[in-house]
């Protein structure tokens, strides 16, 4: 089956994102690595202007639910400078600000505009967020653990998800990953997840979960379903049909199929996935 192009909706959109370590190696295998990973995730999300609704970090892969907001005008220079500081540190922010000031002293307003636009293009986009985030993690890991070559096993998977009960169902599925792996019996007991972090008072995790009205104690599905990983669009029949039609070019020569399934007592529809048959979700 041909690979389906990534679907990114216009306006506000929610995505389930999954990415694996190359060769499924267990490289994120201790608390310090996961702590740095989560910190970089939040910093990259702030820089990119997206919201991480929830997350689960396992030893060889991770799951995110990401909200990409509707673009509302141009990101102002002051905000760009703040975001550069968040992602790269204050030294890089100061150096960038000094470079802009130098261009202005030379009367080169075009150079200033080009520098700012280069950064704006990295904001408000799912692919750019993931590129920024995964590059930062790779650079840190390779520098600190004498690792060479790519850290990640291919491109990340993303599933466009309808808001409301379909999204809350997806979040419960993400929270079930450590339960399905036999690591915990409750989602909030797994430290390297949004429920686990929120249970310990982490404000960033609480903020993400609050966007959906999901409480810290909400459970997770203990069953696997490949459509939550390998589907392309998930939601009601109307939503899936509309989005599939709107993004028909992304499917290329692949005939769009919409299948019904039930998980968590929610009747859900999904397009076929990125493989000829759904693989077992991790």
Foldseek 3Di string as FASTA:
>chain_A
DAFFFAFDDAAKFKKKKKWWWAVLDQQCPDDVLLVVLVLLLVLLCLLQVKAFLKKFDGRTMIITIIIQHHDDDFDDPVSNLVSCCSNPNDVVSVVVVVVLVVCVVVVNVVVNVVVSVVSRVLHRDDVSSVVSSLVVSQVVCCVPPVDDDHGTHDDMFMAIEDDDPRVVLLVLANLLVCVLVVNDVFSCCRCSMLLVVVVVPDPSSVVSNVVRPHHSRDGHDNDWDLCSGFFHYKADPVVQVVSCVVPVVSRPPPDWDKDWDDDPNDIMITTGGRDPHRDTDD
